[in-house]
Protein backbone atom coordinates (compact mmCIF):
# COMPACT_ATOMS: atom_id res chain seq x y z
CA UNK A 1 -97.45 -36.67 -72.69
CA UNK A 2 -95.07 -39.61 -73.02
CA UNK A 3 -97.91 -42.12 -73.00
CA UNK A 4 -99.86 -40.08 -75.55
CA UNK A 5 -96.89 -40.06 -77.91
CA UNK A 6 -96.38 -43.80 -77.33
CA UNK A 7 -100.01 -44.60 -78.13
CA UNK A 8 -99.91 -42.34 -81.17
CA UNK A 9 -96.79 -44.17 -82.37
CA UNK A 10 -98.53 -47.53 -82.00
CA UNK A 11 -101.54 -46.22 -83.92
CA UNK A 12 -99.38 -44.80 -86.73
CA UNK A 13 -97.42 -48.05 -86.96
CA UNK A 14 -100.66 -50.01 -87.30
CA UNK A 15 -101.88 -47.73 -90.07
CA UNK A 16 -98.59 -47.96 -91.96
CA UNK A 17 -98.65 -51.76 -91.77
CA UNK A 18 -102.18 -51.77 -93.17
CA UNK A 19 -101.31 -49.34 -96.00
CA UNK A 20 -98.19 -51.20 -97.17
CA UNK A 21 -99.59 -54.73 -96.74
CA UNK A 22 -100.78 -55.08 -100.37
CA UNK A 23 -97.17 -54.51 -101.50
CA UNK A 24 -95.16 -56.04 -98.67
CA UNK A 25 -95.29 -59.76 -97.84
CA UNK A 26 -94.08 -59.30 -94.28
CA UNK A 27 -96.74 -56.69 -93.55
CA UNK A 28 -99.37 -58.90 -95.17
CA UNK A 29 -98.41 -61.82 -92.92
CA UNK A 30 -98.36 -59.46 -89.92
CA UNK A 31 -102.02 -58.58 -90.52
CA UNK A 32 -103.16 -62.02 -91.61
CA UNK A 33 -101.66 -63.63 -88.53
CA UNK A 34 -103.60 -61.28 -86.27
CA UNK A 35 -106.97 -61.73 -87.96
CA UNK A 36 -109.53 -63.17 -85.50
CA UNK A 37 -106.66 -63.55 -83.07
CA UNK A 38 -108.58 -63.34 -79.81
CA UNK A 39 -111.13 -66.04 -80.72
CA UNK A 40 -108.21 -68.22 -81.82
CA UNK A 41 -106.36 -67.72 -78.53
CA UNK A 42 -109.53 -68.32 -76.53
CA UNK A 43 -110.23 -71.59 -78.31
CA UNK A 44 -106.72 -72.87 -77.64
CA UNK A 45 -106.74 -72.01 -73.95
CA UNK A 46 -110.35 -72.61 -72.93
CA UNK A 47 -109.67 -76.12 -71.61
CA UNK A 48 -106.27 -75.40 -70.10
CA UNK A 49 -106.04 -76.10 -66.38
CA UNK A 50 -102.29 -75.64 -66.02
CA UNK A 51 -100.55 -72.48 -64.82
CA UNK A 52 -99.28 -70.54 -67.83
CA UNK A 53 -95.67 -69.46 -68.36
CA UNK A 54 -95.69 -66.82 -71.10
CA UNK A 55 -92.59 -66.17 -73.22
CA UNK A 56 -92.59 -63.27 -75.66
CA UNK A 57 -90.04 -62.75 -78.46
CA UNK A 58 -89.86 -60.06 -81.10
CA UNK A 59 -88.55 -62.34 -83.80
CA UNK A 60 -86.31 -65.28 -84.61
CA UNK A 61 -83.15 -63.94 -82.99
CA UNK A 62 -84.89 -63.40 -79.66
CA UNK A 63 -86.45 -66.84 -79.93
CA UNK A 64 -82.96 -68.34 -80.06
CA UNK A 65 -82.32 -66.61 -76.73
CA UNK A 66 -85.63 -67.82 -75.30
CA UNK A 67 -85.27 -71.38 -76.51
CA UNK A 68 -82.77 -72.73 -73.96
CA UNK A 69 -84.75 -71.08 -71.16
CA UNK A 70 -88.05 -72.53 -72.38
CA UNK A 71 -86.62 -76.03 -72.61
CA UNK A 72 -84.89 -75.85 -69.23
CA UNK A 73 -88.02 -74.34 -67.65
CA UNK A 74 -90.21 -77.08 -69.09
CA UNK A 75 -87.91 -79.73 -67.68
CA UNK A 76 -87.84 -78.12 -64.24
CA UNK A 77 -91.52 -77.09 -64.14
CA UNK A 78 -93.35 -79.73 -66.21
CA UNK A 79 -96.75 -78.75 -64.77
CA UNK A 80 -96.71 -75.42 -66.62
CA UNK A 81 -98.39 -74.60 -69.94
CA UNK A 82 -95.86 -72.86 -72.22
CA UNK A 83 -97.32 -69.95 -74.17
CA UNK A 84 -94.99 -68.47 -76.80
CA UNK A 85 -95.79 -65.25 -78.65
CA UNK A 86 -94.05 -63.41 -81.48
CA UNK A 87 -94.32 -59.86 -82.70
CA UNK A 88 -92.82 -60.44 -86.16
CA UNK A 89 -93.80 -62.87 -88.92
CA UNK A 90 -90.13 -63.72 -89.44
CA UNK A 91 -90.17 -65.34 -86.02
CA UNK A 92 -93.65 -66.81 -85.98
CA UNK A 93 -93.61 -68.30 -89.47
CA UNK A 94 -90.34 -70.15 -88.86
CA UNK A 95 -91.09 -71.38 -85.32
CA UNK A 96 -94.88 -71.79 -85.28
CA UNK A 97 -94.43 -75.57 -84.93
CA UNK A 98 -91.80 -75.45 -82.20
CA UNK A 99 -92.53 -78.62 -80.19
CA UNK A 100 -91.59 -77.40 -76.72
CA UNK A 101 -94.33 -74.76 -76.54
CA UNK A 102 -97.94 -75.74 -75.88
CA UNK A 103 -99.32 -72.84 -77.90
CA UNK A 104 -97.64 -70.38 -80.28
CA UNK A 105 -99.29 -67.23 -81.55
CA UNK A 106 -98.80 -63.62 -82.58
CA UNK A 107 -98.95 -60.96 -79.89
CA UNK A 108 -101.79 -58.47 -80.45
CA UNK A 109 -100.69 -54.87 -80.98
CA UNK A 110 -99.82 -53.13 -77.71
CA UNK A 111 -102.94 -51.19 -76.77
CA UNK A 112 -104.61 -50.98 -73.39
CA UNK A 113 -107.66 -52.88 -74.68
CA UNK A 114 -105.58 -55.65 -76.26
CA UNK A 115 -103.35 -56.07 -73.23
CA UNK A 116 -106.31 -56.39 -70.85
CA UNK A 117 -108.09 -58.86 -73.10
CA UNK A 118 -105.00 -60.94 -73.82
CA UNK A 119 -104.16 -61.32 -70.13
CA UNK A 120 -107.77 -62.03 -69.22
CA UNK A 121 -107.74 -64.95 -71.65
CA UNK A 122 -104.26 -66.33 -71.05
CA UNK A 123 -103.96 -65.68 -67.28
CA UNK A 124 -100.18 -66.14 -67.08
CA UNK A 125 -98.62 -67.06 -63.74
CA UNK A 126 -95.27 -65.66 -64.90
CA UNK A 127 -94.06 -63.82 -68.00
CA UNK A 128 -90.69 -63.55 -69.74
CA UNK A 129 -89.86 -60.80 -72.23
CA UNK A 130 -86.69 -61.38 -74.26
CA UNK A 131 -84.02 -58.74 -74.89
CA UNK A 132 -85.69 -55.59 -76.29
CA UNK A 133 -89.40 -56.25 -75.80
CA UNK A 134 -90.66 -53.35 -73.68
CA UNK A 135 -94.38 -53.03 -74.44
CA UNK A 136 -95.94 -50.52 -72.04
CA UNK A 137 -99.55 -51.71 -71.93
CA UNK A 138 -98.68 -55.38 -71.51
CA UNK A 139 -96.13 -54.64 -68.80
CA UNK A 140 -98.49 -52.21 -67.08
CA UNK A 141 -101.32 -54.74 -67.00
CA UNK A 142 -98.98 -57.47 -65.75
CA UNK A 143 -97.88 -55.10 -63.01
CA UNK A 144 -101.47 -54.23 -62.06
CA UNK A 145 -102.30 -57.93 -61.84
CA UNK A 146 -99.14 -58.57 -59.77
CA UNK A 147 -97.91 -61.13 -62.29
CA UNK A 148 -94.10 -61.43 -62.14
CA UNK A 149 -92.40 -60.52 -65.41
CA UNK A 150 -88.70 -61.05 -66.12
CA UNK A 151 -86.63 -59.53 -68.91
CA UNK A 152 -83.55 -61.56 -69.80
CA UNK A 153 -80.63 -61.40 -72.24
CA UNK A 154 -81.30 -57.67 -72.23
CA UNK A 155 -78.69 -55.15 -73.31
CA UNK A 156 -78.68 -51.37 -73.12
CA UNK A 157 -76.63 -48.55 -74.63
CA UNK A 158 -76.29 -45.07 -73.20
CA UNK A 159 -77.72 -43.45 -76.34
CA UNK A 160 -81.10 -45.13 -75.87
CA UNK A 161 -84.14 -43.06 -74.95
CA UNK A 162 -84.47 -44.62 -71.48
CA UNK A 163 -81.36 -42.76 -70.34
CA UNK A 164 -82.11 -39.35 -71.88
CA UNK A 165 -83.45 -36.35 -69.98
CA UNK A 166 -86.66 -36.57 -72.01
CA UNK A 167 -87.02 -40.35 -71.62
CA UNK A 168 -88.96 -40.44 -68.37
CA UNK A 169 -91.94 -42.35 -69.76
CA UNK A 170 -89.72 -45.01 -71.30
CA UNK A 171 -87.62 -45.29 -68.14
CA UNK A 172 -90.84 -45.97 -66.24
CA UNK A 173 -91.55 -48.87 -68.60
CA UNK A 174 -88.38 -50.55 -67.32
CA UNK A 175 -89.63 -50.08 -63.76
CA UNK A 176 -92.61 -52.32 -64.56
CA UNK A 177 -90.39 -55.40 -64.73
CA UNK A 178 -90.11 -57.56 -61.66
CA UNK A 179 -86.49 -58.23 -62.57
CA UNK A 180 -84.12 -57.49 -65.45
CA UNK A 181 -81.22 -59.80 -66.28
CA UNK A 182 -78.82 -57.90 -68.52
CA UNK A 183 -75.93 -59.11 -70.65
CA UNK A 184 -73.10 -56.97 -69.29
CA UNK A 185 -71.82 -54.57 -66.66
CA UNK A 186 -72.52 -51.47 -68.72
CA UNK A 187 -76.18 -52.42 -69.08
CA UNK A 188 -76.44 -53.09 -65.35
CA UNK A 189 -74.95 -49.69 -64.55
CA UNK A 190 -77.29 -47.91 -66.93
CA UNK A 191 -80.36 -49.53 -65.42
CA UNK A 192 -79.17 -48.80 -61.89
CA UNK A 193 -78.69 -45.14 -62.90
CA UNK A 194 -82.50 -45.03 -63.12
CA UNK A 195 -82.73 -46.12 -59.46
CA UNK A 196 -83.86 -49.59 -60.49
CA UNK A 197 -82.38 -52.15 -58.11
CA UNK A 198 -84.06 -55.26 -59.52
CA UNK A 199 -81.30 -55.84 -62.06
CA UNK A 200 -78.31 -58.18 -62.33
CA UNK A 201 -75.90 -59.51 -64.93
CA UNK A 202 -77.36 -62.70 -66.36
CA UNK A 203 -75.42 -63.02 -69.58
CA UNK A 204 -76.79 -63.89 -73.00
CA UNK A 205 -78.68 -67.18 -73.21
CA UNK A 206 -77.73 -67.53 -76.88
CA UNK A 207 -74.39 -68.90 -75.71
CA UNK A 208 -76.24 -71.81 -74.12
CA UNK A 209 -78.24 -72.26 -77.28
CA UNK A 210 -75.29 -72.37 -79.65
CA UNK A 211 -73.44 -74.75 -77.35
CA UNK A 212 -76.41 -77.14 -77.50
CA UNK A 213 -76.53 -76.76 -81.29
CA UNK A 214 -72.92 -77.86 -81.64
CA UNK A 215 -73.47 -80.73 -79.24
CA UNK A 216 -76.39 -81.90 -81.41
CA UNK A 217 -74.98 -80.94 -84.82
CA UNK A 218 -76.10 -82.97 -87.82
CA UNK A 219 -73.80 -84.54 -90.37
CA UNK A 220 -74.55 -83.15 -93.82
CA UNK A 221 -73.29 -85.66 -96.37
CA UNK A 222 -73.68 -83.36 -99.36
CA UNK A 223 -71.57 -80.66 -97.68
CA UNK A 224 -68.87 -83.20 -96.83
CA UNK A 225 -68.75 -84.57 -100.38
CA UNK A 226 -68.62 -81.02 -101.75
CA UNK A 227 -65.83 -79.96 -99.43
CA UNK A 228 -63.61 -83.03 -99.68
CA UNK A 229 -60.06 -81.88 -98.88
CA UNK A 230 -60.45 -78.23 -99.88
CA UNK A 231 -60.35 -75.34 -97.44
CA UNK A 232 -63.88 -73.96 -97.26
CA UNK A 233 -65.43 -70.58 -96.50
CA UNK A 234 -68.99 -70.78 -95.15
CA UNK A 235 -70.96 -67.62 -95.96
CA UNK A 236 -73.91 -67.49 -93.57
CA UNK A 237 -77.08 -65.40 -93.85
CA UNK A 238 -75.79 -63.38 -96.78
CA UNK A 239 -77.43 -60.30 -98.28
CA UNK A 240 -76.61 -58.72 -101.68
CA UNK A 241 -73.81 -56.43 -100.36
CA UNK A 242 -72.17 -59.44 -98.73
CA UNK A 243 -72.37 -61.45 -101.94
CA UNK A 244 -70.89 -58.53 -103.90
CA UNK A 245 -67.90 -58.42 -101.53
CA UNK A 246 -67.37 -62.18 -101.60
CA UNK A 247 -67.79 -62.35 -105.39
CA UNK A 248 -65.21 -59.60 -105.98
CA UNK A 249 -62.78 -61.39 -103.70
CA UNK A 250 -63.38 -64.86 -105.14
CA UNK A 251 -63.05 -63.77 -108.77
CA UNK A 252 -59.34 -63.11 -108.32
CA UNK A 253 -58.43 -65.42 -105.46
CA UNK A 254 -55.91 -68.02 -106.61
CA UNK A 255 -56.04 -70.48 -103.74
CA UNK A 256 -57.86 -73.81 -103.68
CA UNK A 257 -60.93 -72.55 -101.83
CA UNK A 258 -64.57 -73.65 -101.94
CA UNK A 259 -67.60 -71.63 -100.86
CA UNK A 260 -70.75 -72.78 -99.10
CA UNK A 261 -73.27 -69.94 -99.29
CA UNK A 262 -76.44 -69.86 -97.20
CA UNK A 263 -78.42 -66.77 -98.30
CA UNK A 264 -80.69 -65.10 -95.77
CA UNK A 265 -83.53 -65.14 -98.30
CA UNK A 266 -84.08 -68.10 -100.62
CA UNK A 267 -86.72 -66.86 -103.06
CA UNK A 268 -85.94 -68.05 -106.59
CA UNK A 269 -85.19 -64.59 -107.97
CA UNK A 270 -82.71 -63.89 -105.18
CA UNK A 271 -81.03 -67.25 -105.58
CA UNK A 272 -80.55 -66.50 -109.26
CA UNK A 273 -78.95 -63.15 -108.43
CA UNK A 274 -76.57 -64.87 -106.06
CA UNK A 275 -75.58 -67.34 -108.77
CA UNK A 276 -75.16 -64.55 -111.31
CA UNK A 277 -72.61 -62.84 -109.07
CA UNK A 278 -70.13 -65.68 -109.77
CA UNK A 279 -70.16 -65.98 -113.58
CA UNK A 280 -66.85 -67.83 -113.87
CA UNK A 281 -67.52 -70.40 -111.14
CA UNK A 282 -69.22 -73.78 -111.16
CA UNK A 283 -72.23 -73.60 -108.86
CA UNK A 284 -74.71 -76.16 -107.61
CA UNK A 285 -77.69 -75.80 -105.30
CA UNK A 286 -78.14 -78.10 -102.36
CA UNK A 287 -81.54 -79.24 -103.67
CA UNK A 288 -79.91 -80.47 -106.90
CA UNK A 289 -76.75 -81.96 -105.44
CA UNK A 290 -77.95 -85.50 -104.74
CA UNK A 291 -76.07 -88.12 -106.79
CA UNK A 292 -73.83 -85.48 -108.42
CA UNK A 293 -70.05 -85.42 -108.64
CA UNK A 294 -69.62 -82.50 -106.25
CA UNK A 295 -65.84 -82.42 -106.54
CA UNK A 296 -66.08 -80.39 -109.76
CA UNK A 297 -68.05 -77.51 -108.20
CA UNK A 298 -66.68 -74.34 -106.64
CA UNK A 299 -69.79 -73.13 -104.82
CA UNK A 300 -72.59 -74.91 -103.00
CA UNK A 301 -75.66 -72.73 -102.46
CA UNK A 302 -77.98 -73.75 -99.64
CA UNK A 303 -81.54 -73.23 -100.86
CA UNK A 304 -83.30 -74.27 -97.65
CA UNK A 305 -83.78 -72.97 -94.11
CA UNK A 306 -82.48 -74.46 -90.88
CA UNK A 307 -79.20 -76.04 -91.94
CA UNK A 308 -76.72 -73.22 -91.38
CA UNK A 309 -75.86 -73.98 -87.75
CA UNK A 310 -74.56 -77.42 -88.75
CA UNK A 311 -72.83 -76.22 -91.92
CA UNK A 312 -70.15 -74.27 -90.05
CA UNK A 313 -68.50 -77.55 -89.07
CA UNK A 314 -67.37 -77.89 -92.71
CA UNK A 315 -65.65 -74.52 -92.81
CA UNK A 316 -62.19 -73.34 -91.94
CA UNK A 317 -63.52 -69.78 -92.15
CA UNK A 318 -66.91 -68.09 -91.73
CA UNK A 319 -68.28 -64.89 -93.17
CA UNK A 320 -71.47 -63.70 -91.45
CA UNK A 321 -73.85 -61.51 -93.44
CA UNK A 322 -75.93 -58.49 -92.56
CA UNK A 323 -73.31 -56.02 -91.37
CA UNK A 324 -73.73 -53.73 -94.38
CA UNK A 325 -77.01 -52.33 -93.10
CA UNK A 326 -79.67 -54.98 -92.46
CA UNK A 327 -78.20 -56.11 -89.13
CA UNK A 328 -75.43 -58.58 -88.43
CA UNK A 329 -76.66 -62.15 -88.10
CA UNK A 330 -75.62 -64.82 -85.60
CA UNK A 331 -71.85 -64.92 -85.17
CA UNK A 332 -71.92 -67.26 -82.18
CA UNK A 333 -72.91 -70.35 -84.15
CA UNK A 334 -69.72 -70.07 -86.19
CA UNK A 335 -67.61 -69.07 -83.19
CA UNK A 336 -68.62 -72.22 -81.32
CA UNK A 337 -66.95 -74.35 -84.00
CA UNK A 338 -63.66 -72.57 -83.42
CA UNK A 339 -63.09 -70.93 -86.81
CA UNK A 340 -62.05 -67.37 -87.75
CA UNK A 341 -64.98 -65.05 -88.48
CA UNK A 342 -65.41 -62.14 -90.88
CA UNK A 343 -68.28 -59.67 -91.28
CA UNK A 344 -69.00 -56.19 -92.60
CA UNK A 345 -68.44 -52.80 -90.92
CA UNK A 346 -71.74 -52.16 -89.14
CA UNK A 347 -71.62 -54.28 -86.02
CA UNK A 348 -71.62 -51.73 -83.17
CA UNK A 349 -75.00 -52.90 -81.84
CA UNK A 350 -73.87 -56.50 -81.39
CA UNK A 351 -71.96 -57.12 -78.18
CA UNK A 352 -70.58 -60.51 -79.18
CA UNK A 353 -69.22 -59.05 -82.44
CA UNK A 354 -67.57 -56.18 -80.56
CA UNK A 355 -66.07 -58.63 -78.08
CA UNK A 356 -64.76 -60.97 -80.77
CA UNK A 357 -63.17 -58.13 -82.73
CA UNK A 358 -61.44 -56.88 -79.56
CA UNK A 359 -60.19 -60.40 -78.86
CA UNK A 360 -59.03 -60.70 -82.51
CA UNK A 361 -61.18 -63.76 -83.08
CA UNK A 362 -63.28 -61.89 -85.65
CA UNK A 363 -62.42 -59.33 -88.29
CA UNK A 364 -64.63 -56.55 -89.64
CA UNK A 365 -64.01 -55.71 -93.32
CA UNK A 366 -65.23 -52.73 -95.31
CA UNK A 367 -64.68 -54.03 -98.83
CA UNK A 368 -63.31 -56.93 -100.87
CA UNK A 369 -59.75 -55.53 -100.80
CA UNK A 370 -59.51 -55.55 -97.00
CA UNK A 371 -61.20 -58.93 -96.90
CA UNK A 372 -58.73 -60.37 -99.44
CA UNK A 373 -55.72 -59.09 -97.49
CA UNK A 374 -56.83 -60.46 -94.13
CA UNK A 375 -58.32 -63.68 -95.48
CA UNK A 376 -55.23 -64.51 -97.54
CA UNK A 377 -53.01 -64.32 -94.48
CA UNK A 378 -55.15 -66.88 -92.62
CA UNK A 379 -55.53 -69.03 -95.69
CA UNK A 380 -51.77 -69.44 -95.89
CA UNK A 381 -51.05 -69.72 -92.16
CA UNK A 382 -52.74 -72.77 -90.60
CA UNK A 383 -51.23 -72.07 -87.18
CA UNK A 384 -52.63 -68.54 -87.07
CA UNK A 385 -55.97 -69.85 -88.29
CA UNK A 386 -56.10 -72.38 -85.48
CA UNK A 387 -55.09 -69.80 -82.85
CA UNK A 388 -57.82 -67.37 -83.93
CA UNK A 389 -60.39 -70.13 -84.08
CA UNK A 390 -59.53 -71.13 -80.52
CA UNK A 391 -60.13 -67.54 -79.39
CA UNK A 392 -63.67 -67.75 -80.77
CA UNK A 393 -64.42 -71.11 -79.20
CA UNK A 394 -63.03 -70.08 -75.80
CA UNK A 395 -65.14 -66.91 -75.86
CA UNK A 396 -68.32 -68.94 -76.27
CA UNK A 397 -67.41 -71.45 -73.58
CA UNK A 398 -66.65 -68.71 -71.05
CA UNK A 399 -70.08 -67.15 -71.52
CA UNK A 400 -72.41 -70.11 -71.19
CA UNK A 401 -74.66 -70.34 -68.12
CA UNK A 402 -77.25 -67.59 -68.66
CA UNK A 403 -80.11 -70.09 -68.72
CA UNK A 404 -79.31 -71.30 -65.21
CA UNK A 405 -79.42 -67.71 -63.95
CA UNK A 406 -82.93 -67.23 -65.33
CA UNK A 407 -84.08 -70.52 -63.80
CA UNK A 408 -82.53 -69.61 -60.44
CA UNK A 409 -84.48 -66.35 -60.50
CA UNK A 410 -87.70 -68.22 -61.17
CA UNK A 411 -87.42 -69.81 -57.73
CA UNK A 412 -88.11 -66.39 -56.22
CA UNK A 413 -91.46 -66.07 -58.02
CA UNK A 414 -92.66 -69.66 -58.31
CA UNK A 415 -91.89 -71.03 -54.86
């Protein structure tokens, strides 16, 4: 019964994507990217003679966890062909030209037919599924073919279906992995409660990724000229509720503070709405800032993708968007720079956010009033600001090393 419900869910999902695609750009890209997919994959792999290491990510966040592993794997096992697949357009469209993978493509929908055909074409020697990717038919076919498959940077919560009395089918999906490297002790205990012994704590490879980002950070001249000697709040991956909170705060804040805002979405209409939220402030977009006197502006809006991780170096504070419903974005990039972090109230699914709040390196705020109160204290107290920033930086440094644990496990299957 569990498999029947699973297959029905996959079928319904496919129909919904098709129905909404004329009105939804993401759904349209989802379908377009999978058109003639098998002939495309076949043409790319027909002349490959190397063993294939297959990495699968749901989207961009999971890719950031896969990235340090891919690059370390490629250095250690240069004879392997790196196949990278994405489920979501938001991952594929941004990283389809990632240079460290030999071939990047969408993953066909998880049906028995698709899984058999995909594996018959790609013939992976080993597979890696990142974090939450638990596709039954792909895992089942990998298991049948005795192809080792590792899940890493995985995290579980006790309210998930795998650990419910009615979750037997989904629990069996986890048993199809050769090994599961989880982020924390709770996740390890939950998996072991299913009588799965092939599990260990491997940490979150994003810590390795953000550390490498800071080590290779780029100087952004426009941001430096904009900032000058002012204290600066970097607002990363903002959504409309985040902008509303920041705008309400900034309208009445009396301190000498500048904002660098990097919206999550940079379509023209959305950029205009962001600008309209600050009617009394002088705003300039990054794309129009060249050769301008940036000292006269209050807000710099980043109207491009890919710069945010380096922008945090220009902030004394960071506000991370998404925690008012869409999903909290990457807090670790800001934490690595050693600055206090703020975000909205909905962060319970993000371990690093929970940890940072407990450590008092990050602060969750429900509205502009609570944000103003807590921000103002740090704005005025440089010593407290530095102490909290150090908490964030230390947290990141203590958690690096997950990539090495994945690579050590590979020895067991690739020797």
